[in-house]
Amino acid sequence: MSVRTPPAVAEPTGAAARLASELDDLENHQGHDIDSILVRAAEAAWAAQALGNDLLLRRAQLVQADMRQRSGSPGDAARVFLTIHAWAERYDSRPLRARSHFHLALTHHYLGDHSASLEHALASVELLEETAPAGLRIIYLVRLANSLVECGSLDAARERYAQAERLAIDSGDLTRQLLVLNNLAYTEIEVGNDAVAGKIVERMHAAVRALGRDYLVMECDTIANVQISAGDYAGAERTLAGIADAPRWFEAHDVADARLTLATAQRRLGALERAQATLDRCKAGCTTDDLRAVLVRAMAEQAELYAAAGRYADAFAEYKRFHAAAEDLRSRQQEARARTRQAMFETAEARREAERYREQARRDPLTGLYNRRFVDERLPHIVTHAIRAGAPLTVALVDLDHFKRINDTLSHDVGDRVLVTIADLLAASMDGQDKDAFVARMGGEEFLVVVPGLAEGAGRSWLNNLRRTVRDHPWAPITGELPVTVSIGAVAGPAAPGDDQAALLAEADRNLYVAKRSGRDRVVC
C-alpha cells in the first residue's frame, strides 16, 4: 500500500533544494541589511509558489515577517507567525513548527510575556530538526537562554549559552560564537557579575581577531558597558569611537544605544563637551528613526550630564521631562502590546472559526460521520504512514443489504433512522482502536471503515464481529420484521509500496461485490 509524499513535505531536490539552502541562509541571519533580506525573502516566496512547495513558501513568509517585526511592525508579524504556526500544527510539519515557535518566542519577548516566550523557545529547540544548520541551532539556543534569563533561571541559561558556544566552536562558526559571548557578557553585566563579564570579553577579543573583522555595533556596546562597569571609561570611549562606521546587526536602535553608552562613558570620564556632542547625535538619531525608548533613556542621561556640569536647575527640569516621557512611553508600549495581543487574539479566533467551518464541510449532515472530502484528505496520509512504518492497515467498505426495500416498504424517514443507527454502531466500534482509525459515509448506504494496526487475520475477525453487531441489533422498533444486515468488502494486511487510496478502495469494492454476489451478510477480505 503506497502513496506519494505530498510535495510540501518531501525531501527537496533540484530547484527546491537550492531554494531550501537559500532559506537556510536567510534564517541564519548572516546578513545585516533588513531591506536586502526582505527582497531575498520575497524572491524566495515567489519561487516557492512557482514550485508549489507550501513548506518553503511559509518559511519565506516567516523570514519576511521577522524582518518586519524588527522594523517595528510586531502586530502584523504576529498574525503571520500565528497563521503559519496553525498550518504547521494542522499538517504536523515539524520544521515549520520549530520555526514558528521560535518567532512566537520573540513576539512574546517583545510583549513582555516572559513565561510564554520561554514556552515557545523550549518548543523551538526541541522540534528543530537534527539536520538544521548549526548556525540556526545556535540562534535557537541563544533565544532559549535569553528567555531563561528573563524568567530568572540563570544557571539553566548559562548551560544553554555554553551549549551554543560549544556548537559554534565545533562547527567553526566564529560569528555565532561572538553572538553567544555577546549575549552571555551582557547577561553577566545585568546580574552584577562584572569580573565574569570581563573574562567573557577577553574571549570575544580572541574570537574577533580570529574572525578578522571589526566588532558589530551591538558587540561594541556590550564591551563598552563591561568597561564602564569596571571603571574603565577611557577604554569604553575608545571602544565606541568608530561606531558610526561599524557594521550593524538588525536592530534599528543599535547605533543609538551605542551613542548613549558612549555619552555615559564620556560624562564619567569628565569629558562633558564630548559627552554633550555625542548625546546630541544620539537624540537626533532617535528623532529621525522614531526610537522613543532610547530617546527617553537619553533624557535621563541628559539630566545626569546637566548635573555633572553643575547646571542643577536644568538637571531638575530635565528629570521632570524624563519622568513624564517615561510615563508616556509606558502608555504607548502598553497600547502597542494591546494591539499586538488583539491581533493575535483575532487571528486565533479566525483560525478557530475556520476550523469549525472546515469540520462542518467534512461531516455528513445526516449521520455526523466524516464524508468523502475528509476521506480524500486523510486516507492518503494514513496509507503513507503505514508504508513507512511497515504497519498493517484495514480498509473496509460497509454496505447495507436490501436498503432500497427498507425505503420502499417503510419510508425514507425510516431509512434515515437506519442509516443513523448504523453510523452510531460503526462509530462505537472505533473505541480502543488506533487514534487514526475513522468511519465515514461515502454516500447513500455505503460506509468506509479505516483501522490502522489490524493485521489480516485480526482485521477479518474484527470486521465479522462488526457485521454481527449490526445484524444482532434490536431493529424491530425501527424496521418491524425487516432485518438489517451489511455486506463488507475489505483489504487488510501490511502496507506495501505501490498501493494508494484509489487502489485500496477499488480492491475493497471488488471484495464488496463478491460479498453481495455470495449471499450478503458476510465479510470478504
Protein backbone atom coordinates (compact mmCIF):
# COMPACT_ATOMS: atom_id res chain seq x y z
CA MET A 1 0.00 0.00 0.00
CA SER A 2 1.71 3.28 -1.04
CA VAL A 3 1.05 6.90 -1.78
CA ARG A 4 3.39 9.68 -2.79
CA THR A 5 4.65 12.06 -0.14
CA PRO A 6 3.00 15.48 -0.66
CA PRO A 7 5.38 17.92 -2.39
CA ALA A 8 5.21 20.32 0.58
CA VAL A 9 6.90 17.82 2.90
CA ALA A 10 9.03 15.77 0.52
CA GLU A 11 12.82 15.87 0.72
CA PRO A 12 13.73 18.80 -1.56
CA THR A 13 15.65 18.13 -4.76
CA GLY A 14 16.81 20.29 -7.65
CA ALA A 15 15.33 23.78 -7.58
CA ALA A 16 13.58 23.07 -4.27
CA ALA A 17 16.89 22.03 -2.68
CA ARG A 18 18.55 25.24 -3.87
CA LEU A 19 15.65 27.28 -2.52
CA ALA A 20 15.82 25.44 0.82
CA SER A 21 19.54 26.30 1.00
CA GLU A 22 18.75 29.98 0.34
CA LEU A 23 16.17 29.93 3.14
CA ASP A 24 18.69 28.25 5.45
CA ASP A 25 20.98 31.20 4.82
CA LEU A 26 18.23 33.77 5.39
CA GLU A 27 17.13 32.08 8.61
CA ASN A 28 20.76 32.01 9.74
CA HIS A 29 20.78 35.84 9.70
CA GLN A 30 24.17 36.02 8.01
CA GLY A 31 23.43 39.44 6.51
CA HIS A 32 22.84 42.65 8.44
CA ASP A 33 20.65 44.53 5.92
CA ILE A 34 16.94 44.19 6.66
CA ASP A 35 15.88 45.60 3.28
CA SER A 36 18.16 43.20 1.43
CA ILE A 37 16.85 40.22 3.41
CA LEU A 38 13.27 41.29 2.72
CA VAL A 39 13.97 41.36 -1.03
CA ARG A 40 15.60 37.92 -0.93
CA ALA A 41 12.77 36.51 1.19
CA ALA A 42 10.17 37.91 -1.24
CA GLU A 43 12.02 36.30 -4.15
CA ALA A 44 12.16 33.03 -2.20
CA ALA A 45 8.40 33.19 -1.56
CA TRP A 46 7.74 33.75 -5.26
CA ALA A 47 9.99 30.82 -6.19
CA ALA A 48 8.28 28.55 -3.64
CA GLN A 49 4.88 29.47 -5.07
CA ALA A 50 6.13 28.66 -8.57
CA LEU A 51 7.31 25.27 -7.31
CA GLY A 52 4.04 24.66 -5.44
CA ASN A 53 6.03 23.99 -2.26
CA ASP A 54 3.93 25.03 0.73
CA LEU A 55 6.64 24.39 3.32
CA LEU A 56 9.26 26.56 1.62
CA LEU A 57 6.66 29.27 0.95
CA ARG A 58 5.81 29.51 4.62
CA ARG A 59 9.45 29.51 5.64
CA ALA A 60 9.98 32.50 3.35
CA GLN A 61 6.93 34.22 4.84
CA LEU A 62 8.35 33.73 8.35
CA VAL A 63 11.59 35.45 7.32
CA GLN A 64 9.62 38.36 5.84
CA ALA A 65 7.51 38.73 8.98
CA ASP A 66 10.59 38.51 11.21
CA MET A 67 12.25 41.40 9.36
CA ARG A 68 9.07 43.47 9.58
CA GLN A 69 8.83 42.80 13.31
CA ARG A 70 12.41 44.00 13.73
CA SER A 71 11.48 47.08 11.70
CA GLY A 72 8.67 47.98 14.10
CA SER A 73 5.55 46.10 12.93
CA PRO A 74 5.04 43.46 15.65
CA GLY A 75 1.26 43.22 15.22
CA ASP A 76 1.38 42.36 11.53
CA ALA A 77 4.22 39.93 12.13
CA ALA A 78 2.35 38.21 14.97
CA ARG A 79 -0.58 37.50 12.65
CA VAL A 80 1.76 35.80 10.19
CA PHE A 81 3.53 33.80 12.90
CA LEU A 82 0.23 32.53 14.34
CA THR A 83 -1.28 31.68 10.97
CA ILE A 84 1.79 29.73 9.88
CA HIS A 85 2.04 28.04 13.28
CA ALA A 86 -1.57 26.84 12.92
CA TRP A 87 -0.81 25.48 9.44
CA ALA A 88 2.28 23.68 10.77
CA GLU A 89 0.29 22.14 13.62
CA ARG A 90 -2.52 21.04 11.31
CA TYR A 91 -0.19 19.30 8.87
CA ASP A 92 2.30 18.19 11.54
CA SER A 93 5.21 19.94 9.83
CA ARG A 94 7.96 19.63 12.41
CA PRO A 95 10.44 22.00 10.69
CA LEU A 96 7.81 24.71 10.40
CA ARG A 97 6.53 24.15 13.93
CA ALA A 98 10.08 24.71 15.23
CA ARG A 99 10.46 27.93 13.26
CA SER A 100 7.05 29.34 14.15
CA HIS A 101 7.65 28.58 17.84
CA PHE A 102 10.95 30.48 17.61
CA HIS A 103 9.31 33.58 16.15
CA LEU A 104 6.44 33.42 18.64
CA ALA A 105 9.06 33.32 21.41
CA LEU A 106 10.43 36.61 20.09
CA THR A 107 6.93 38.08 19.79
CA HIS A 108 6.11 37.26 23.42
CA HIS A 109 9.52 38.64 24.43
CA TYR A 110 8.59 41.97 22.85
CA LEU A 111 5.22 41.79 24.62
CA GLY A 112 6.94 41.25 27.97
CA ASP A 113 5.25 37.86 28.43
CA HIS A 114 8.38 36.01 29.52
CA SER A 115 6.73 32.72 30.53
CA ALA A 116 5.04 32.37 27.11
CA SER A 117 8.31 33.33 25.43
CA LEU A 118 10.12 30.58 27.35
CA GLU A 119 7.45 28.02 26.45
CA HIS A 120 7.80 28.75 22.74
CA ALA A 121 11.61 28.90 22.93
CA LEU A 122 11.73 25.46 24.56
CA ALA A 123 9.43 24.01 21.90
CA SER A 124 11.52 25.53 19.11
CA VAL A 125 14.72 23.89 20.35
CA GLU A 126 13.01 20.54 20.92
CA LEU A 127 11.40 20.49 17.47
CA LEU A 128 14.29 21.82 15.38
CA GLU A 129 15.42 19.02 13.09
CA GLU A 130 18.85 17.46 13.62
CA THR A 131 19.75 18.30 10.01
CA ALA A 132 19.16 22.04 10.55
CA PRO A 133 22.27 24.21 10.03
CA ALA A 134 24.41 24.56 13.13
CA GLY A 135 24.05 28.34 12.94
CA LEU A 136 20.27 28.06 13.20
CA ARG A 137 20.50 25.72 16.18
CA ILE A 138 22.84 28.21 17.89
CA ILE A 139 20.39 31.06 17.35
CA TYR A 140 17.58 28.97 18.83
CA LEU A 141 19.68 28.03 21.86
CA VAL A 142 20.58 31.68 22.45
CA ARG A 143 16.90 32.65 22.30
CA LEU A 144 16.13 29.92 24.83
CA ALA A 145 18.97 31.10 27.08
CA ASN A 146 17.73 34.69 26.89
CA SER A 147 14.19 33.56 27.78
CA LEU A 148 15.55 31.62 30.75
CA VAL A 149 17.37 34.77 31.91
CA GLU A 150 14.14 36.77 31.66
CA CYS A 151 12.42 34.14 33.83
CA GLY A 152 15.22 34.21 36.42
CA SER A 153 16.72 30.78 35.61
CA LEU A 154 20.34 31.95 35.34
CA ASP A 155 22.06 28.59 35.81
CA ALA A 156 19.90 26.95 33.15
CA ALA A 157 20.56 29.93 30.86
CA ARG A 158 24.32 29.61 31.32
CA GLU A 159 24.07 25.92 30.36
CA ARG A 160 22.31 26.84 27.09
CA TYR A 161 24.85 29.58 26.35
CA ALA A 162 27.65 27.05 26.93
CA GLN A 163 25.92 24.51 24.72
CA ALA A 164 25.52 27.09 21.97
CA GLU A 165 29.17 28.14 22.22
CA ARG A 166 30.39 24.54 22.02
CA LEU A 167 28.29 24.07 18.90
CA ALA A 168 29.76 27.24 17.39
CA ILE A 169 33.31 26.12 18.15
CA ASP A 170 32.72 22.61 16.82
CA SER A 171 31.26 23.99 13.58
CA GLY A 172 33.99 26.63 13.25
CA ASP A 173 31.39 29.43 13.32
CA LEU A 174 33.21 32.33 14.94
CA THR A 175 30.39 34.76 14.07
CA ARG A 176 27.93 32.68 16.08
CA GLN A 177 30.47 32.27 18.89
CA LEU A 178 30.63 36.04 19.15
CA LEU A 179 26.83 36.19 19.22
CA VAL A 180 26.77 33.76 22.14
CA LEU A 181 29.53 35.52 24.03
CA ASN A 182 27.94 38.91 23.48
CA ASN A 183 24.63 37.76 24.96
CA LEU A 184 26.36 35.98 27.83
CA ALA A 185 28.52 39.02 28.67
CA TYR A 186 25.51 41.31 28.70
CA THR A 187 23.65 38.86 30.95
CA GLU A 188 26.52 38.80 33.45
CA ILE A 189 26.63 42.63 33.50
CA GLU A 190 22.89 42.74 34.18
CA VAL A 191 23.22 40.46 37.21
CA GLY A 192 26.30 42.30 38.52
CA ASN A 193 28.99 39.75 37.68
CA ASP A 194 31.40 42.33 36.29
CA ALA A 195 34.54 40.18 36.67
CA VAL A 196 32.92 37.27 34.85
CA ALA A 197 31.73 39.62 32.11
CA GLY A 198 35.29 40.93 31.74
CA LYS A 199 36.66 37.44 31.16
CA ILE A 200 33.98 36.81 28.55
CA VAL A 201 35.05 39.99 26.74
CA GLU A 202 38.60 38.63 26.58
CA ARG A 203 37.21 35.59 24.75
CA MET A 204 35.30 37.94 22.45
CA HIS A 205 38.60 39.67 21.58
CA ALA A 206 40.19 36.34 20.69
CA ALA A 207 37.24 35.36 18.52
CA VAL A 208 37.09 38.64 16.62
CA ARG A 209 40.84 38.51 15.95
CA ALA A 210 40.46 35.02 14.53
CA LEU A 211 37.46 36.13 12.50
CA GLY A 212 39.34 39.09 11.05
CA ARG A 213 36.53 41.62 11.12
CA ASP A 214 35.51 44.63 13.17
CA TYR A 215 33.08 44.34 16.03
CA LEU A 216 29.41 44.88 15.27
CA VAL A 217 27.81 47.91 16.87
CA MET A 218 25.92 45.82 19.43
CA GLU A 219 29.15 43.98 20.35
CA CYS A 220 30.98 47.28 20.84
CA ASP A 221 28.13 48.44 23.05
CA THR A 222 28.32 45.32 25.23
CA ILE A 223 32.10 45.59 25.63
CA ALA A 224 31.85 49.29 26.49
CA ASN A 225 29.25 48.54 29.16
CA VAL A 226 31.58 45.96 30.67
CA GLN A 227 34.38 48.54 30.68
CA ILE A 228 32.13 51.16 32.30
CA SER A 229 31.17 48.63 35.00
CA ALA A 230 34.90 48.12 35.64
CA GLY A 231 35.53 51.89 35.79
CA ASP A 232 37.48 51.94 32.52
CA TYR A 233 35.71 54.95 31.00
CA ALA A 234 38.57 55.83 28.65
CA GLY A 235 38.58 52.26 27.37
CA ALA A 236 34.82 52.44 26.77
CA GLU A 237 35.26 55.66 24.80
CA ARG A 238 37.94 54.05 22.64
CA THR A 239 35.75 51.01 22.06
CA LEU A 240 32.88 53.15 20.79
CA ALA A 241 34.95 55.73 18.90
CA GLY A 242 34.20 54.21 15.49
CA ILE A 243 30.58 53.15 15.91
CA ALA A 244 29.42 55.29 13.00
CA ASP A 245 31.45 53.08 10.65
CA ALA A 246 30.93 49.74 12.43
CA PRO A 247 28.66 47.14 10.77
CA ARG A 248 25.18 46.95 12.26
CA TRP A 249 23.23 43.86 13.15
CA PHE A 250 19.47 44.00 12.62
CA GLU A 251 18.03 46.29 15.20
CA ALA A 252 17.41 49.92 14.25
CA HIS A 253 18.41 51.07 17.74
CA ASP A 254 21.96 49.62 17.66
CA VAL A 255 23.76 52.89 16.92
CA ALA A 256 21.53 54.97 19.20
CA ASP A 257 22.16 52.56 22.10
CA ALA A 258 25.90 52.69 21.49
CA ARG A 259 25.96 56.50 21.32
CA LEU A 260 24.08 56.66 24.60
CA THR A 261 26.63 54.33 26.18
CA LEU A 262 29.45 56.46 24.75
CA ALA A 263 27.93 59.62 26.20
CA THR A 264 27.75 57.93 29.61
CA ALA A 265 31.42 56.90 29.41
CA GLN A 266 32.49 60.41 28.38
CA ARG A 267 30.48 62.00 31.17
CA ARG A 268 32.06 59.73 33.78
CA LEU A 269 35.44 60.45 32.25
CA GLY A 270 34.77 64.15 32.79
CA ALA A 271 34.75 64.98 29.05
CA LEU A 272 31.45 66.84 29.29
CA GLU A 273 31.63 68.66 25.97
CA ARG A 274 32.31 65.43 24.08
CA ALA A 275 29.55 63.76 26.05
CA GLN A 276 27.08 66.51 25.11
CA ALA A 277 28.02 66.31 21.42
CA THR A 278 27.61 62.52 21.45
CA LEU A 279 24.29 62.77 23.27
CA ASP A 280 23.03 65.36 20.77
CA ARG A 281 23.82 62.96 17.92
CA CYS A 282 22.06 60.18 19.81
CA LYS A 283 18.91 62.24 20.32
CA ALA A 284 18.91 63.42 16.71
CA GLY A 285 19.13 59.82 15.51
CA CYS A 286 16.33 58.79 17.85
CA THR A 287 14.09 61.53 16.46
CA THR A 288 14.89 60.59 12.86
CA ASP A 289 14.36 56.86 13.39
CA ASP A 290 11.47 57.24 15.88
CA LEU A 291 13.33 55.41 18.67
CA ARG A 292 11.24 56.58 21.61
CA ALA A 293 12.61 54.11 24.14
CA VAL A 294 16.22 55.13 23.56
CA LEU A 295 15.23 58.81 23.46
CA VAL A 296 13.67 58.55 26.92
CA ARG A 297 16.86 56.99 28.28
CA ALA A 298 18.82 59.76 26.57
CA MET A 299 16.75 62.31 28.52
CA ALA A 300 17.83 60.64 31.76
CA GLU A 301 21.46 60.83 30.63
CA GLN A 302 20.96 64.49 29.70
CA ALA A 303 19.81 65.21 33.25
CA GLU A 304 22.93 63.45 34.58
CA LEU A 305 25.08 65.49 32.21
CA TYR A 306 23.50 68.76 33.34
CA ALA A 307 24.12 67.79 36.96
CA ALA A 308 27.75 66.89 36.21
CA ALA A 309 28.18 70.37 34.69
CA GLY A 310 26.67 71.99 37.80
CA ARG A 311 23.50 73.04 35.97
CA TYR A 312 21.21 71.71 38.67
CA ALA A 313 18.10 73.65 37.69
CA ASP A 314 18.39 72.33 34.15
CA ALA A 315 19.03 68.84 35.54
CA PHE A 316 15.88 69.02 37.67
CA ALA A 317 13.78 70.24 34.77
CA GLU A 318 15.18 67.52 32.51
CA TYR A 319 14.43 64.87 35.12
CA LYS A 320 10.82 66.07 35.22
CA ARG A 321 10.65 65.85 31.41
CA PHE A 322 12.25 62.42 31.59
CA HIS A 323 9.68 61.06 34.05
CA ALA A 324 6.78 62.47 32.00
CA ALA A 325 8.26 60.99 28.83
CA ALA A 326 8.87 57.66 30.55
CA GLU A 327 5.24 57.52 31.65
CA ASP A 328 4.08 58.39 28.13
CA LEU A 329 6.37 55.70 26.72
CA ARG A 330 4.93 53.10 29.09
CA SER A 331 1.43 54.04 27.96
CA ARG A 332 2.44 53.81 24.30
CA GLN A 333 4.13 50.47 24.87
CA GLN A 334 1.08 49.13 26.69
CA GLU A 335 -1.13 50.26 23.82
CA ALA A 336 1.21 48.69 21.26
CA ARG A 337 1.28 45.44 23.22
CA ALA A 338 -2.50 45.52 23.49
CA ARG A 339 -2.78 45.98 19.72
CA THR A 340 -0.42 43.08 19.12
CA ARG A 341 -2.28 40.87 21.60
CA GLN A 342 -5.56 41.86 19.92
CA ALA A 343 -4.10 40.94 16.54
CA MET A 344 -3.00 37.59 17.94
CA PHE A 345 -6.42 37.04 19.53
CA GLU A 346 -8.26 37.92 16.33
CA THR A 347 -6.02 35.62 14.33
CA ALA A 348 -6.64 32.78 16.78
CA GLU A 349 -10.39 33.43 16.73
CA ALA A 350 -10.43 33.49 12.93
CA ARG A 351 -8.49 30.23 12.91
CA ARG A 352 -10.95 28.60 15.31
CA GLU A 353 -13.87 29.82 13.21
CA ALA A 354 -12.22 28.48 10.06
CA GLU A 355 -11.66 25.15 11.82
CA ARG A 356 -15.35 24.99 12.71
CA TYR A 357 -16.33 25.59 9.10
CA ARG A 358 -13.70 23.14 7.94
CA GLU A 359 -15.04 20.49 10.30
CA GLN A 360 -18.61 21.10 9.12
CA ALA A 361 -17.53 20.76 5.49
CA ARG A 362 -16.04 17.35 6.27
CA ARG A 363 -19.03 15.91 8.07
CA ASP A 364 -22.07 14.11 6.69
CA PRO A 365 -25.10 16.18 7.81
CA LEU A 366 -27.37 13.16 8.40
CA THR A 367 -25.13 10.81 10.37
CA GLY A 368 -22.45 13.16 11.70
CA LEU A 369 -19.75 10.85 10.33
CA TYR A 370 -16.90 12.09 8.16
CA ASN A 371 -17.66 12.43 4.46
CA ARG A 372 -15.83 11.72 1.20
CA ARG A 373 -13.94 15.03 1.38
CA PHE A 374 -12.39 14.01 4.69
CA VAL A 375 -11.51 10.59 3.28
CA ASP A 376 -9.69 12.17 0.33
CA GLU A 377 -7.71 14.38 2.71
CA ARG A 378 -6.92 11.91 5.48
CA LEU A 379 -6.63 8.43 3.97
CA PRO A 380 -3.54 9.15 1.80
CA HIS A 381 -1.61 10.26 4.89
CA ILE A 382 -2.63 7.13 6.82
CA VAL A 383 -1.55 4.93 3.92
CA THR A 384 1.78 6.76 3.64
CA HIS A 385 2.44 6.35 7.36
CA ALA A 386 1.59 2.64 7.23
CA ILE A 387 4.00 2.14 4.31
CA ARG A 388 6.85 3.94 6.05
CA ALA A 389 6.25 2.07 9.31
CA GLY A 390 5.67 -1.27 7.60
CA ALA A 391 2.47 -1.49 9.63
CA PRO A 392 -0.78 -3.34 8.82
CA LEU A 393 -3.88 -1.47 7.71
CA THR A 394 -7.52 -2.47 7.31
CA VAL A 395 -9.70 -0.58 4.81
CA ALA A 396 -13.30 -1.80 4.51
CA LEU A 397 -16.43 -0.75 2.60
CA VAL A 398 -19.62 -1.49 4.53
CA ASP A 399 -22.86 -1.57 2.52
CA LEU A 400 -26.40 -2.09 3.81
CA ASP A 401 -28.18 -5.10 2.33
CA HIS A 402 -31.56 -4.53 0.63
CA PHE A 403 -31.66 -0.92 1.73
CA LYS A 404 -33.96 0.02 -1.14
CA ARG A 405 -36.52 -2.41 0.25
CA ILE A 406 -36.49 -0.58 3.59
CA ASN A 407 -37.05 2.76 1.88
CA ASP A 408 -39.78 1.44 -0.44
CA THR A 409 -41.59 -0.73 2.11
CA LEU A 410 -41.42 1.52 5.15
CA SER A 411 -40.37 5.09 4.27
CA HIS A 412 -37.35 7.24 3.60
CA ASP A 413 -37.63 8.58 7.16
CA VAL A 414 -37.23 5.04 8.46
CA GLY A 415 -34.35 4.56 6.05
CA ASP A 416 -32.67 7.64 7.50
CA ARG A 417 -33.13 6.28 11.02
CA VAL A 418 -31.50 3.03 9.94
CA LEU A 419 -28.54 4.94 8.45
CA VAL A 420 -28.09 6.97 11.63
CA THR A 421 -28.23 3.83 13.78
CA ILE A 422 -25.70 2.05 11.55
CA ALA A 423 -23.45 5.12 11.80
CA ASP A 424 -23.66 5.02 15.59
CA LEU A 425 -22.78 1.31 15.66
CA LEU A 426 -19.81 1.82 13.36
CA ALA A 427 -18.58 4.82 15.34
CA ALA A 428 -18.85 2.86 18.60
CA SER A 429 -16.71 0.13 17.07
CA MET A 430 -13.78 2.59 16.96
CA ASP A 431 -13.40 2.52 20.75
CA GLY A 432 -9.99 1.15 21.64
CA GLN A 433 -8.65 1.33 18.09
CA ASP A 434 -5.70 3.33 16.77
CA LYS A 435 -6.05 7.09 17.13
CA ASP A 436 -6.09 7.46 13.33
CA ALA A 437 -8.96 5.00 12.86
CA PHE A 438 -12.15 6.53 11.48
CA VAL A 439 -15.55 5.84 9.92
CA ALA A 440 -17.00 7.82 7.02
CA ARG A 441 -20.19 7.80 5.00
CA MET A 442 -19.24 7.52 1.35
CA GLY A 443 -22.75 8.18 0.07
CA GLY A 444 -26.16 6.51 0.12
CA GLU A 445 -25.99 3.32 2.20
CA GLU A 446 -22.20 2.84 1.83
CA PHE A 447 -19.72 3.48 4.64
CA LEU A 448 -15.93 3.30 4.91
CA VAL A 449 -14.06 1.92 7.91
CA VAL A 450 -10.30 2.54 8.21
CA VAL A 451 -8.37 0.91 11.07
CA PRO A 452 -4.55 1.12 11.18
CA GLY A 453 -2.71 -1.56 13.13
CA LEU A 454 -5.01 -4.52 12.40
CA ALA A 455 -3.24 -7.41 10.67
CA GLU A 456 -5.05 -9.51 8.08
CA GLY A 457 -6.41 -12.21 10.41
CA ALA A 458 -7.27 -9.77 13.20
CA GLY A 459 -8.87 -7.41 10.69
CA ARG A 460 -11.13 -10.10 9.24
CA SER A 461 -12.16 -11.25 12.72
CA TRP A 462 -12.88 -7.68 13.85
CA LEU A 463 -14.97 -6.99 10.73
CA ASN A 464 -17.00 -10.15 11.28
CA ASN A 465 -17.73 -9.02 14.84
CA LEU A 466 -18.82 -5.67 13.42
CA ARG A 467 -21.11 -7.42 10.90
CA ARG A 468 -22.71 -9.49 13.66
CA THR A 469 -23.15 -6.38 15.81
CA VAL A 470 -25.25 -4.82 13.05
CA ARG A 471 -27.26 -7.99 12.39
CA ASP A 472 -27.97 -8.64 16.09
CA HIS A 473 -29.00 -5.08 16.91
CA PRO A 474 -32.67 -4.83 18.06
CA TRP A 475 -34.09 -3.40 14.83
CA ALA A 476 -37.77 -4.23 15.44
CA PRO A 477 -38.71 -0.80 16.91
CA ILE A 478 -37.41 0.79 13.69
CA THR A 479 -37.97 -1.71 10.85
CA GLY A 480 -40.50 -4.15 12.33
CA GLU A 481 -39.99 -7.57 10.79
CA LEU A 482 -37.50 -6.41 8.16
CA PRO A 483 -33.95 -7.50 9.06
CA VAL A 484 -30.98 -5.15 8.71
CA THR A 485 -27.64 -6.63 7.68
CA VAL A 486 -24.46 -5.40 5.99
CA SER A 487 -22.00 -6.81 3.50
CA ILE A 488 -18.35 -5.90 3.89
CA GLY A 489 -15.57 -5.85 1.33
CA ALA A 490 -12.16 -5.20 2.79
CA VAL A 491 -8.41 -5.05 2.28
CA ALA A 492 -6.35 -6.00 5.31
CA GLY A 493 -2.66 -6.60 5.72
CA PRO A 494 0.75 -4.95 5.66
CA ALA A 495 1.01 -1.67 3.77
CA ALA A 496 3.29 -2.11 0.78
CA PRO A 497 4.83 0.19 -1.82
CA GLY A 498 2.67 0.54 -4.91
CA ASP A 499 -0.69 0.89 -3.20
CA ASP A 500 -2.60 4.14 -2.83
CA GLN A 501 -6.09 5.28 -1.87
CA ALA A 502 -7.61 4.53 -5.26
CA ALA A 503 -6.11 1.04 -5.41
CA LEU A 504 -7.22 0.17 -1.88
CA LEU A 505 -10.79 1.36 -2.39
CA ALA A 506 -11.00 -0.41 -5.75
CA GLU A 507 -9.91 -3.71 -4.19
CA ALA A 508 -12.31 -3.26 -1.27
CA ASP A 509 -15.10 -2.52 -3.75
CA ARG A 510 -14.35 -5.71 -5.71
CA ASN A 511 -14.49 -7.71 -2.49
CA LEU A 512 -17.78 -5.99 -1.58
CA TYR A 513 -19.21 -7.08 -4.93
CA VAL A 514 -18.17 -10.68 -4.17
CA ALA A 515 -19.82 -10.46 -0.74
CA LYS A 516 -23.06 -9.26 -2.33
CA ARG A 517 -22.98 -11.96 -5.02
CA SER A 518 -22.24 -14.63 -2.41
CA GLY A 519 -25.45 -14.07 -0.46
CA ARG A 520 -24.85 -10.84 1.53
CA ASP A 521 -24.39 -10.52 5.32
CA ARG A 522 -20.76 -11.55 5.07
CA VAL A 523 -17.18 -10.30 5.00
CA VAL A 524 -14.89 -10.82 2.02
CA CYS A 525 -11.31 -9.85 2.66
